[in-house]
Amino acid sequence: MKNIIAFFLLISIASCAGKKTIEGDQYYDKGEYSLALESYDKFLTVYPRNIKTLYNRARTQEKLGHIELAIKDLKTLLELEPDHLQARITLGEMEFNLGDYNQALYEFDQAVNSHKQSSVAYAYRAKANQKLGKLKKADSDYGVAIRLDSKNGMAYLYRGTLYLYQKKNTSACNDFKQARDLGVLEAESAIKKYCKG
């Protein structure tokens, strides 16, 4: 009898906690980040190793401007699941935005090493290499990103900025136009600023 009661109690707790993560996702989608964070916090008190919720809480922390807390959640997640592509790239993006380009490159290297078919991982690694002045590596990674996914508009946009820096204006404009055609809004302003006709 005790086992049956314990079983139903466990199911009841799991059900309530599960509602908290779904509730958190709904709040996040509505832009109600403080409420989303509260729901994720409650869920993680019951399931502190839940990968999806750790990731979602990190993104919520980021939206609230709590970057260090977001980074902490992503590092916890990556200790549990080192090959989690989204977490690795998100952490790299955060490090990049904080100006820690070497750490960002490390995260993007890890993403590429564990996901060799990820166009996104190559594009981000290229962007970090470009920022660090490793232009040949950046160009190579942009090329791989585009070969893996010819519809990766961001790879075209960033490679265009590399070509512009290298004074390869025709190649830069071709990449900006390709990025624009793939729906990358930022490409239009680059075309107006750097490309004729």
N, C-alpha and C. Protein backbone atom coordinates (compact mmCIF):
# COMPACT_ATOMS: atom_id res chain seq x y z
N MET A 1 0.82 -1.18 0.00
CA MET A 1 0.00 0.00 0.00
C MET A 1 0.88 1.26 0.00
N LYS A 2 1.95 1.27 0.82
CA LYS A 2 2.84 2.42 0.87
C LYS A 2 3.47 2.67 -0.50
N ASN A 3 3.82 1.59 -1.20
CA ASN A 3 4.43 1.73 -2.52
C ASN A 3 3.46 2.37 -3.51
N ILE A 4 2.20 2.00 -3.42
CA ILE A 4 1.18 2.56 -4.31
C ILE A 4 0.99 4.04 -4.03
N ILE A 5 0.94 4.42 -2.76
CA ILE A 5 0.78 5.83 -2.39
C ILE A 5 2.00 6.63 -2.85
N ALA A 6 3.18 6.08 -2.64
CA ALA A 6 4.41 6.75 -3.06
C ALA A 6 4.43 6.92 -4.58
N PHE A 7 3.98 5.90 -5.29
CA PHE A 7 3.93 5.95 -6.75
C PHE A 7 3.01 7.08 -7.22
N PHE A 8 1.80 7.15 -6.66
CA PHE A 8 0.86 8.19 -7.07
C PHE A 8 1.33 9.58 -6.66
N LEU A 9 2.00 9.66 -5.53
CA LEU A 9 2.55 10.93 -5.09
C LEU A 9 3.63 11.40 -6.07
N LEU A 10 4.46 10.49 -6.49
CA LEU A 10 5.51 10.80 -7.45
C LEU A 10 4.92 11.26 -8.78
N ILE A 11 3.89 10.57 -9.24
CA ILE A 11 3.23 10.95 -10.49
C ILE A 11 2.59 12.33 -10.35
N SER A 12 1.99 12.59 -9.21
CA SER A 12 1.36 13.89 -8.97
C SER A 12 2.39 15.01 -8.98
N ILE A 13 3.52 14.80 -8.35
CA ILE A 13 4.59 15.81 -8.32
C ILE A 13 5.13 16.03 -9.73
N ALA A 14 5.35 14.95 -10.46
CA ALA A 14 5.87 15.05 -11.82
C ALA A 14 4.89 15.80 -12.71
N SER A 15 3.61 15.53 -12.55
CA SER A 15 2.59 16.21 -13.34
C SER A 15 2.57 17.70 -13.05
N CYS A 16 2.63 18.07 -11.79
CA CYS A 16 2.63 19.49 -11.42
C CYS A 16 3.89 20.18 -11.93
N ALA A 17 5.01 19.52 -11.79
CA ALA A 17 6.27 20.10 -12.25
C ALA A 17 6.25 20.25 -13.77
N GLY A 18 5.73 19.24 -14.47
CA GLY A 18 5.63 19.30 -15.93
C GLY A 18 4.79 20.47 -16.38
N LYS A 19 3.75 20.78 -15.65
CA LYS A 19 2.90 21.93 -15.98
C LYS A 19 3.70 23.22 -15.85
N LYS A 20 4.63 23.26 -14.91
CA LYS A 20 5.42 24.47 -14.70
C LYS A 20 6.32 24.75 -15.90
N THR A 21 6.91 23.72 -16.51
CA THR A 21 7.77 23.97 -17.67
C THR A 21 6.94 24.36 -18.88
N ILE A 22 5.78 23.75 -19.06
CA ILE A 22 4.89 24.14 -20.16
C ILE A 22 4.40 25.56 -19.94
N GLU A 23 4.05 25.87 -18.72
CA GLU A 23 3.61 27.22 -18.35
C GLU A 23 4.74 28.22 -18.62
N GLY A 24 5.94 27.86 -18.27
CA GLY A 24 7.10 28.72 -18.51
C GLY A 24 7.29 28.98 -19.99
N ASP A 25 7.15 27.94 -20.81
CA ASP A 25 7.28 28.10 -22.26
C ASP A 25 6.22 29.06 -22.80
N GLN A 26 5.00 28.94 -22.28
CA GLN A 26 3.92 29.83 -22.72
C GLN A 26 4.21 31.27 -22.33
N TYR A 27 4.68 31.48 -21.11
CA TYR A 27 5.04 32.84 -20.69
C TYR A 27 6.17 33.39 -21.57
N TYR A 28 7.15 32.55 -21.84
CA TYR A 28 8.29 32.99 -22.67
C TYR A 28 7.78 33.43 -24.04
N ASP A 29 6.93 32.61 -24.65
CA ASP A 29 6.40 32.92 -25.98
C ASP A 29 5.63 34.23 -26.01
N LYS A 30 5.02 34.59 -24.88
CA LYS A 30 4.27 35.85 -24.77
C LYS A 30 5.17 37.03 -24.39
N GLY A 31 6.45 36.76 -24.12
CA GLY A 31 7.35 37.82 -23.71
C GLY A 31 7.27 38.16 -22.23
N GLU A 32 6.62 37.31 -21.45
CA GLU A 32 6.49 37.53 -20.01
C GLU A 32 7.62 36.76 -19.30
N TYR A 33 8.82 37.31 -19.42
CA TYR A 33 10.03 36.59 -19.02
C TYR A 33 10.15 36.38 -17.52
N SER A 34 9.70 37.32 -16.72
CA SER A 34 9.78 37.13 -15.26
C SER A 34 8.91 35.97 -14.82
N LEU A 35 7.71 35.87 -15.39
CA LEU A 35 6.83 34.74 -15.05
C LEU A 35 7.39 33.43 -15.59
N ALA A 36 7.98 33.47 -16.77
CA ALA A 36 8.61 32.27 -17.33
C ALA A 36 9.73 31.79 -16.40
N LEU A 37 10.55 32.72 -15.97
CA LEU A 37 11.66 32.38 -15.08
C LEU A 37 11.15 31.74 -13.79
N GLU A 38 10.10 32.29 -13.23
CA GLU A 38 9.52 31.74 -12.00
C GLU A 38 9.06 30.29 -12.22
N SER A 39 8.42 30.03 -13.35
CA SER A 39 7.95 28.67 -13.65
C SER A 39 9.13 27.71 -13.84
N TYR A 40 10.15 28.17 -14.59
CA TYR A 40 11.32 27.31 -14.79
C TYR A 40 12.04 27.02 -13.48
N ASP A 41 12.14 28.04 -12.63
CA ASP A 41 12.78 27.85 -11.32
C ASP A 41 12.07 26.78 -10.51
N LYS A 42 10.75 26.84 -10.49
CA LYS A 42 9.97 25.85 -9.75
C LYS A 42 10.18 24.45 -10.31
N PHE A 43 10.16 24.34 -11.62
CA PHE A 43 10.36 23.03 -12.25
C PHE A 43 11.75 22.47 -11.92
N LEU A 44 12.76 23.34 -11.98
CA LEU A 44 14.13 22.88 -11.74
C LEU A 44 14.41 22.54 -10.29
N THR A 45 13.56 22.99 -9.35
CA THR A 45 13.75 22.55 -7.96
C THR A 45 13.41 21.08 -7.83
N VAL A 46 12.51 20.59 -8.69
CA VAL A 46 12.13 19.17 -8.68
C VAL A 46 13.05 18.37 -9.61
N TYR A 47 13.36 18.95 -10.77
CA TYR A 47 14.17 18.27 -11.78
C TYR A 47 15.37 19.14 -12.16
N PRO A 48 16.38 19.22 -11.32
CA PRO A 48 17.49 20.15 -11.56
C PRO A 48 18.37 19.77 -12.75
N ARG A 49 18.21 18.58 -13.28
CA ARG A 49 19.05 18.14 -14.40
C ARG A 49 18.27 18.08 -15.72
N ASN A 50 17.13 18.74 -15.78
CA ASN A 50 16.32 18.71 -16.99
C ASN A 50 16.94 19.65 -18.03
N ILE A 51 17.43 19.06 -19.12
CA ILE A 51 18.18 19.78 -20.14
C ILE A 51 17.34 20.87 -20.79
N LYS A 52 16.16 20.52 -21.23
CA LYS A 52 15.29 21.48 -21.94
C LYS A 52 14.99 22.69 -21.07
N THR A 53 14.68 22.45 -19.82
CA THR A 53 14.31 23.56 -18.94
C THR A 53 15.53 24.40 -18.57
N LEU A 54 16.68 23.78 -18.38
CA LEU A 54 17.91 24.56 -18.15
C LEU A 54 18.18 25.48 -19.33
N TYR A 55 18.02 24.95 -20.54
CA TYR A 55 18.25 25.76 -21.73
C TYR A 55 17.24 26.91 -21.80
N ASN A 56 15.98 26.59 -21.57
CA ASN A 56 14.94 27.62 -21.63
C ASN A 56 15.14 28.69 -20.56
N ARG A 57 15.57 28.25 -19.38
CA ARG A 57 15.81 29.24 -18.33
C ARG A 57 17.00 30.12 -18.71
N ALA A 58 18.01 29.54 -19.31
CA ALA A 58 19.15 30.34 -19.74
C ALA A 58 18.72 31.40 -20.76
N ARG A 59 17.89 31.01 -21.71
CA ARG A 59 17.41 31.98 -22.72
C ARG A 59 16.56 33.06 -22.05
N THR A 60 15.79 32.66 -21.05
CA THR A 60 14.96 33.63 -20.31
C THR A 60 15.85 34.58 -19.53
N GLN A 61 16.86 34.04 -18.86
CA GLN A 61 17.81 34.90 -18.14
C GLN A 61 18.46 35.91 -19.09
N GLU A 62 18.79 35.43 -20.28
CA GLU A 62 19.39 36.31 -21.29
C GLU A 62 18.42 37.45 -21.64
N LYS A 63 17.16 37.12 -21.87
CA LYS A 63 16.15 38.13 -22.21
C LYS A 63 16.00 39.16 -21.09
N LEU A 64 16.16 38.71 -19.85
CA LEU A 64 16.05 39.61 -18.69
C LEU A 64 17.33 40.38 -18.41
N GLY A 65 18.38 40.11 -19.22
CA GLY A 65 19.64 40.80 -19.03
C GLY A 65 20.53 40.19 -17.97
N HIS A 66 20.20 39.01 -17.51
CA HIS A 66 20.99 38.31 -16.48
C HIS A 66 21.98 37.37 -17.17
N ILE A 67 22.93 37.94 -17.87
CA ILE A 67 23.82 37.17 -18.73
C ILE A 67 24.66 36.17 -17.93
N GLU A 68 25.20 36.59 -16.80
CA GLU A 68 26.04 35.68 -16.01
C GLU A 68 25.23 34.47 -15.53
N LEU A 69 23.98 34.68 -15.15
CA LEU A 69 23.12 33.56 -14.74
C LEU A 69 22.79 32.67 -15.93
N ALA A 70 22.60 33.27 -17.08
CA ALA A 70 22.34 32.49 -18.29
C ALA A 70 23.55 31.61 -18.62
N ILE A 71 24.73 32.21 -18.54
CA ILE A 71 25.96 31.46 -18.80
C ILE A 71 26.11 30.31 -17.80
N LYS A 72 25.79 30.57 -16.55
CA LYS A 72 25.88 29.52 -15.52
C LYS A 72 24.95 28.35 -15.87
N ASP A 73 23.71 28.64 -16.28
CA ASP A 73 22.78 27.57 -16.66
C ASP A 73 23.30 26.79 -17.87
N LEU A 74 23.85 27.50 -18.85
CA LEU A 74 24.36 26.81 -20.04
C LEU A 74 25.56 25.93 -19.69
N LYS A 75 26.41 26.39 -18.81
CA LYS A 75 27.57 25.57 -18.40
C LYS A 75 27.10 24.35 -17.63
N THR A 76 26.09 24.51 -16.78
CA THR A 76 25.52 23.35 -16.07
C THR A 76 24.96 22.35 -17.06
N LEU A 77 24.21 22.86 -18.02
CA LEU A 77 23.63 22.00 -19.05
C LEU A 77 24.73 21.25 -19.80
N LEU A 78 25.79 21.95 -20.17
CA LEU A 78 26.87 21.33 -20.95
C LEU A 78 27.68 20.33 -20.13
N GLU A 79 27.68 20.47 -18.81
CA GLU A 79 28.29 19.44 -17.98
C GLU A 79 27.47 18.15 -18.06
N LEU A 80 26.15 18.31 -18.17
CA LEU A 80 25.25 17.14 -18.26
C LEU A 80 25.22 16.55 -19.66
N GLU A 81 25.28 17.42 -20.65
CA GLU A 81 25.20 16.99 -22.05
C GLU A 81 26.17 17.82 -22.89
N PRO A 82 27.45 17.42 -22.94
CA PRO A 82 28.49 18.24 -23.58
C PRO A 82 28.27 18.50 -25.08
N ASP A 83 27.52 17.65 -25.75
CA ASP A 83 27.33 17.81 -27.19
C ASP A 83 26.04 18.52 -27.55
N HIS A 84 25.42 19.21 -26.60
CA HIS A 84 24.16 19.92 -26.87
C HIS A 84 24.47 21.13 -27.76
N LEU A 85 24.09 21.03 -29.04
CA LEU A 85 24.47 22.04 -30.02
C LEU A 85 23.91 23.42 -29.70
N GLN A 86 22.63 23.51 -29.42
CA GLN A 86 22.02 24.81 -29.15
C GLN A 86 22.67 25.50 -27.95
N ALA A 87 22.91 24.74 -26.90
CA ALA A 87 23.52 25.33 -25.70
C ALA A 87 24.94 25.80 -26.01
N ARG A 88 25.68 24.99 -26.75
CA ARG A 88 27.08 25.34 -27.07
C ARG A 88 27.11 26.63 -27.90
N ILE A 89 26.25 26.72 -28.90
CA ILE A 89 26.24 27.90 -29.76
C ILE A 89 25.73 29.12 -28.99
N THR A 90 24.70 28.94 -28.19
CA THR A 90 24.17 30.05 -27.40
C THR A 90 25.23 30.57 -26.43
N LEU A 91 25.94 29.68 -25.79
CA LEU A 91 27.01 30.09 -24.89
C LEU A 91 28.10 30.84 -25.66
N GLY A 92 28.46 30.32 -26.81
CA GLY A 92 29.44 31.00 -27.65
C GLY A 92 28.99 32.39 -28.07
N GLU A 93 27.71 32.51 -28.43
CA GLU A 93 27.15 33.83 -28.80
C GLU A 93 27.25 34.80 -27.63
N MET A 94 26.91 34.33 -26.44
CA MET A 94 26.97 35.20 -25.27
C MET A 94 28.40 35.65 -24.99
N GLU A 95 29.33 34.71 -25.07
CA GLU A 95 30.75 35.07 -24.86
C GLU A 95 31.21 36.07 -25.93
N PHE A 96 30.78 35.84 -27.17
CA PHE A 96 31.13 36.74 -28.27
C PHE A 96 30.60 38.15 -27.98
N ASN A 97 29.34 38.23 -27.59
CA ASN A 97 28.72 39.53 -27.32
C ASN A 97 29.34 40.24 -26.13
N LEU A 98 29.94 39.46 -25.22
CA LEU A 98 30.66 40.06 -24.08
C LEU A 98 32.08 40.48 -24.45
N GLY A 99 32.48 40.16 -25.68
CA GLY A 99 33.82 40.53 -26.14
C GLY A 99 34.88 39.51 -25.83
N ASP A 100 34.50 38.35 -25.34
CA ASP A 100 35.47 37.28 -25.06
C ASP A 100 35.53 36.36 -26.27
N TYR A 101 36.21 36.83 -27.31
CA TYR A 101 36.22 36.13 -28.60
C TYR A 101 36.97 34.80 -28.55
N ASN A 102 37.99 34.72 -27.71
CA ASN A 102 38.71 33.44 -27.58
C ASN A 102 37.81 32.37 -26.94
N GLN A 103 37.06 32.76 -25.92
CA GLN A 103 36.15 31.79 -25.29
C GLN A 103 35.02 31.43 -26.25
N ALA A 104 34.54 32.41 -26.98
CA ALA A 104 33.50 32.14 -27.99
C ALA A 104 34.03 31.15 -29.02
N LEU A 105 35.26 31.38 -29.48
CA LEU A 105 35.86 30.47 -30.45
C LEU A 105 35.96 29.06 -29.88
N TYR A 106 36.34 28.95 -28.62
CA TYR A 106 36.41 27.64 -27.98
C TYR A 106 35.05 26.94 -28.04
N GLU A 107 33.98 27.66 -27.69
CA GLU A 107 32.64 27.06 -27.70
C GLU A 107 32.23 26.66 -29.11
N PHE A 108 32.52 27.51 -30.09
CA PHE A 108 32.16 27.18 -31.47
C PHE A 108 33.01 26.01 -32.00
N ASP A 109 34.28 25.94 -31.58
CA ASP A 109 35.11 24.78 -31.93
C ASP A 109 34.48 23.49 -31.40
N GLN A 110 34.04 23.54 -30.14
CA GLN A 110 33.40 22.37 -29.55
C GLN A 110 32.14 21.99 -30.33
N ALA A 111 31.37 22.98 -30.74
CA ALA A 111 30.16 22.72 -31.52
C ALA A 111 30.50 22.06 -32.85
N VAL A 112 31.52 22.57 -33.54
CA VAL A 112 31.93 21.99 -34.82
C VAL A 112 32.46 20.58 -34.62
N ASN A 113 33.27 20.38 -33.59
CA ASN A 113 33.86 19.05 -33.35
C ASN A 113 32.81 17.99 -33.06
N SER A 114 31.72 18.37 -32.41
CA SER A 114 30.69 17.37 -32.09
C SER A 114 29.56 17.34 -33.11
N HIS A 115 29.51 18.33 -34.01
CA HIS A 115 28.43 18.40 -35.01
C HIS A 115 29.02 18.84 -36.34
N LYS A 116 29.77 17.96 -36.97
CA LYS A 116 30.51 18.30 -38.19
C LYS A 116 29.62 18.65 -39.37
N GLN A 117 28.34 18.36 -39.29
CA GLN A 117 27.41 18.68 -40.37
C GLN A 117 26.56 19.91 -40.06
N SER A 118 26.93 20.67 -39.04
CA SER A 118 26.17 21.86 -38.66
C SER A 118 26.71 23.10 -39.35
N SER A 119 25.96 23.57 -40.32
CA SER A 119 26.31 24.81 -41.02
C SER A 119 26.38 25.98 -40.04
N VAL A 120 25.46 26.01 -39.11
CA VAL A 120 25.40 27.10 -38.13
C VAL A 120 26.68 27.13 -37.27
N ALA A 121 27.13 25.97 -36.83
CA ALA A 121 28.34 25.92 -36.00
C ALA A 121 29.55 26.46 -36.78
N TYR A 122 29.68 26.06 -38.04
CA TYR A 122 30.79 26.57 -38.85
C TYR A 122 30.69 28.08 -39.06
N ALA A 123 29.48 28.58 -39.29
CA ALA A 123 29.30 30.02 -39.52
C ALA A 123 29.71 30.82 -38.28
N TYR A 124 29.30 30.34 -37.11
CA TYR A 124 29.67 31.05 -35.88
C TYR A 124 31.17 30.95 -35.61
N ARG A 125 31.75 29.80 -35.87
CA ARG A 125 33.20 29.68 -35.67
C ARG A 125 33.93 30.63 -36.62
N ALA A 126 33.43 30.73 -37.84
CA ALA A 126 34.03 31.64 -38.81
C ALA A 126 33.96 33.08 -38.31
N LYS A 127 32.81 33.45 -37.77
CA LYS A 127 32.62 34.82 -37.27
C LYS A 127 33.62 35.12 -36.14
N ALA A 128 33.83 34.16 -35.25
CA ALA A 128 34.80 34.35 -34.16
C ALA A 128 36.22 34.44 -34.71
N ASN A 129 36.55 33.56 -35.65
CA ASN A 129 37.88 33.61 -36.27
C ASN A 129 38.10 34.96 -36.96
N GLN A 130 37.06 35.44 -37.64
CA GLN A 130 37.15 36.74 -38.31
C GLN A 130 37.45 37.84 -37.30
N LYS A 131 36.74 37.84 -36.19
CA LYS A 131 36.93 38.86 -35.16
C LYS A 131 38.34 38.79 -34.58
N LEU A 132 38.90 37.60 -34.51
CA LEU A 132 40.24 37.41 -33.96
C LEU A 132 41.34 37.62 -35.01
N GLY A 133 40.95 37.99 -36.23
CA GLY A 133 41.93 38.25 -37.29
C GLY A 133 42.44 37.02 -38.00
N LYS A 134 41.81 35.90 -37.78
CA LYS A 134 42.20 34.64 -38.44
C LYS A 134 41.35 34.51 -39.71
N LEU A 135 41.71 35.33 -40.71
CA LEU A 135 40.86 35.52 -41.87
C LEU A 135 40.79 34.31 -42.80
N LYS A 136 41.90 33.60 -42.97
CA LYS A 136 41.86 32.40 -43.82
C LYS A 136 40.97 31.32 -43.21
N LYS A 137 41.09 31.14 -41.90
CA LYS A 137 40.22 30.17 -41.22
C LYS A 137 38.76 30.59 -41.32
N ALA A 138 38.51 31.88 -41.16
CA ALA A 138 37.15 32.39 -41.24
C ALA A 138 36.58 32.12 -42.63
N ASP A 139 37.34 32.45 -43.66
CA ASP A 139 36.87 32.25 -45.03
C ASP A 139 36.59 30.76 -45.30
N SER A 140 37.48 29.92 -44.82
CA SER A 140 37.30 28.48 -44.99
C SER A 140 36.02 28.00 -44.30
N ASP A 141 35.81 28.44 -43.06
CA ASP A 141 34.61 28.01 -42.32
C ASP A 141 33.32 28.55 -42.95
N TYR A 142 33.36 29.78 -43.44
CA TYR A 142 32.16 30.29 -44.14
C TYR A 142 31.86 29.42 -45.36
N GLY A 143 32.91 29.05 -46.07
CA GLY A 143 32.73 28.18 -47.24
C GLY A 143 32.10 26.84 -46.86
N VAL A 144 32.57 26.25 -45.78
CA VAL A 144 32.00 24.98 -45.32
C VAL A 144 30.55 25.18 -44.90
N ALA A 145 30.28 26.25 -44.18
CA ALA A 145 28.91 26.52 -43.73
C ALA A 145 27.96 26.61 -44.93
N ILE A 146 28.41 27.28 -45.97
CA ILE A 146 27.57 27.46 -47.16
C ILE A 146 27.44 26.15 -47.94
N ARG A 147 28.50 25.37 -48.01
CA ARG A 147 28.41 24.05 -48.68
C ARG A 147 27.45 23.13 -47.94
N LEU A 148 27.48 23.19 -46.62
CA LEU A 148 26.57 22.34 -45.83
C LEU A 148 25.12 22.79 -45.95
N ASP A 149 24.91 24.09 -46.08
CA ASP A 149 23.54 24.62 -46.19
C ASP A 149 23.58 25.89 -47.04
N SER A 150 23.25 25.73 -48.31
CA SER A 150 23.31 26.86 -49.24
C SER A 150 22.26 27.92 -48.93
N LYS A 151 21.38 27.66 -47.96
CA LYS A 151 20.35 28.63 -47.57
C LYS A 151 20.69 29.32 -46.24
N ASN A 152 21.92 29.18 -45.80
CA ASN A 152 22.36 29.83 -44.56
C ASN A 152 22.70 31.29 -44.89
N GLY A 153 21.69 32.13 -44.87
CA GLY A 153 21.87 33.53 -45.24
C GLY A 153 22.84 34.28 -44.37
N MET A 154 22.87 33.94 -43.07
CA MET A 154 23.80 34.63 -42.17
C MET A 154 25.25 34.34 -42.56
N ALA A 155 25.54 33.13 -43.04
CA ALA A 155 26.91 32.81 -43.47
C ALA A 155 27.30 33.69 -44.65
N TYR A 156 26.37 33.89 -45.59
CA TYR A 156 26.65 34.79 -46.72
C TYR A 156 26.88 36.23 -46.23
N LEU A 157 26.04 36.69 -45.32
CA LEU A 157 26.18 38.05 -44.81
C LEU A 157 27.53 38.24 -44.14
N TYR A 158 27.90 37.35 -43.25
CA TYR A 158 29.16 37.49 -42.52
C TYR A 158 30.36 37.33 -43.45
N ARG A 159 30.26 36.39 -44.41
CA ARG A 159 31.37 36.25 -45.36
C ARG A 159 31.48 37.52 -46.20
N GLY A 160 30.34 38.14 -46.51
CA GLY A 160 30.37 39.41 -47.23
C GLY A 160 31.15 40.47 -46.47
N THR A 161 30.98 40.50 -45.14
CA THR A 161 31.73 41.49 -44.35
C THR A 161 33.22 41.18 -44.37
N LEU A 162 33.56 39.90 -44.40
CA LEU A 162 34.96 39.50 -44.51
C LEU A 162 35.53 39.96 -45.85
N TYR A 163 34.80 39.70 -46.92
CA TYR A 163 35.26 40.11 -48.25
C TYR A 163 35.40 41.63 -48.34
N LEU A 164 34.48 42.34 -47.73
CA LEU A 164 34.53 43.79 -47.73
C LEU A 164 35.81 44.26 -47.04
N TYR A 165 36.12 43.65 -45.91
CA TYR A 165 37.35 43.99 -45.17
C TYR A 165 38.59 43.71 -46.02
N GLN A 166 38.51 42.65 -46.82
CA GLN A 166 39.64 42.27 -47.68
C GLN A 166 39.63 43.05 -49.01
N LYS A 167 38.72 44.01 -49.14
CA LYS A 167 38.57 44.85 -50.33
C LYS A 167 38.20 44.03 -51.57
N LYS A 168 37.45 42.97 -51.36
CA LYS A 168 36.90 42.15 -52.45
C LYS A 168 35.43 42.55 -52.59
N ASN A 169 35.23 43.80 -53.06
CA ASN A 169 33.89 44.38 -53.05
C ASN A 169 32.88 43.62 -53.91
N THR A 170 33.29 43.13 -55.07
CA THR A 170 32.36 42.40 -55.92
C THR A 170 31.88 41.13 -55.23
N SER A 171 32.80 40.39 -54.63
CA SER A 171 32.44 39.17 -53.90
C SER A 171 31.56 39.50 -52.69
N ALA A 172 31.91 40.59 -52.01
CA ALA A 172 31.12 41.00 -50.84
C ALA A 172 29.69 41.31 -51.27
N CYS A 173 29.54 42.08 -52.34
CA CYS A 173 28.20 42.44 -52.79
C CYS A 173 27.40 41.23 -53.26
N ASN A 174 28.08 40.29 -53.90
CA ASN A 174 27.39 39.06 -54.31
C ASN A 174 26.86 38.31 -53.08
N ASP A 175 27.68 38.25 -52.02
CA ASP A 175 27.24 37.57 -50.80
C ASP A 175 26.12 38.34 -50.10
N PHE A 176 26.22 39.66 -50.06
CA PHE A 176 25.16 40.46 -49.45
C PHE A 176 23.83 40.24 -50.19
N LYS A 177 23.90 40.20 -51.53
CA LYS A 177 22.68 39.99 -52.32
C LYS A 177 22.10 38.60 -52.08
N GLN A 178 22.98 37.62 -51.98
CA GLN A 178 22.52 36.25 -51.69
C GLN A 178 21.86 36.20 -50.32
N ALA A 179 22.46 36.87 -49.35
CA ALA A 179 21.89 36.92 -47.99
C ALA A 179 20.52 37.59 -48.02
N ARG A 180 20.43 38.70 -48.73
CA ARG A 180 19.13 39.39 -48.84
C ARG A 180 18.08 38.48 -49.47
N ASP A 181 18.46 37.79 -50.54
CA ASP A 181 17.53 36.89 -51.23
C ASP A 181 17.08 35.74 -50.34
N LEU A 182 17.89 35.43 -49.33
CA LEU A 182 17.55 34.37 -48.38
C LEU A 182 16.80 34.92 -47.16
N GLY A 183 16.49 36.21 -47.19
CA GLY A 183 15.65 36.78 -46.13
C GLY A 183 16.39 37.43 -44.98
N VAL A 184 17.68 37.67 -45.11
CA VAL A 184 18.44 38.32 -44.04
C VAL A 184 18.28 39.83 -44.20
N LEU A 185 17.53 40.43 -43.31
CA LEU A 185 17.17 41.84 -43.43
C LEU A 185 18.38 42.78 -43.38
N GLU A 186 19.38 42.44 -42.57
CA GLU A 186 20.55 43.29 -42.43
C GLU A 186 21.32 43.45 -43.74
N ALA A 187 21.15 42.50 -44.65
CA ALA A 187 21.88 42.53 -45.91
C ALA A 187 21.49 43.73 -46.76
N GLU A 188 20.25 44.14 -46.69
CA GLU A 188 19.77 45.26 -47.51
C GLU A 188 20.55 46.54 -47.22
N SER A 189 20.79 46.82 -45.94
CA SER A 189 21.53 48.04 -45.60
C SER A 189 22.99 47.93 -46.08
N ALA A 190 23.57 46.73 -46.02
CA ALA A 190 24.93 46.54 -46.53
C ALA A 190 24.99 46.78 -48.04
N ILE A 191 23.97 46.31 -48.75
CA ILE A 191 23.91 46.51 -50.20
C ILE A 191 23.82 48.00 -50.52
N LYS A 192 22.93 48.70 -49.82
CA LYS A 192 22.77 50.15 -50.07
C LYS A 192 24.06 50.91 -49.77
N LYS A 193 24.77 50.49 -48.76
CA LYS A 193 25.97 51.22 -48.34
C LYS A 193 27.19 50.90 -49.20
N TYR A 194 27.34 49.63 -49.62
CA TYR A 194 28.60 49.21 -50.25
C TYR A 194 28.49 48.78 -51.72
N CYS A 195 27.30 48.58 -52.23
CA CYS A 195 27.17 48.00 -53.56
C CYS A 195 26.51 48.99 -54.52
N LYS A 196 27.01 49.03 -55.74
CA LYS A 196 26.43 49.88 -56.77
C LYS A 196 25.29 49.14 -57.46
N GLY A 197 24.21 49.88 -57.73
CA GLY A 197 23.06 49.35 -58.48
C GLY A 197 22.60 48.12 -57.95
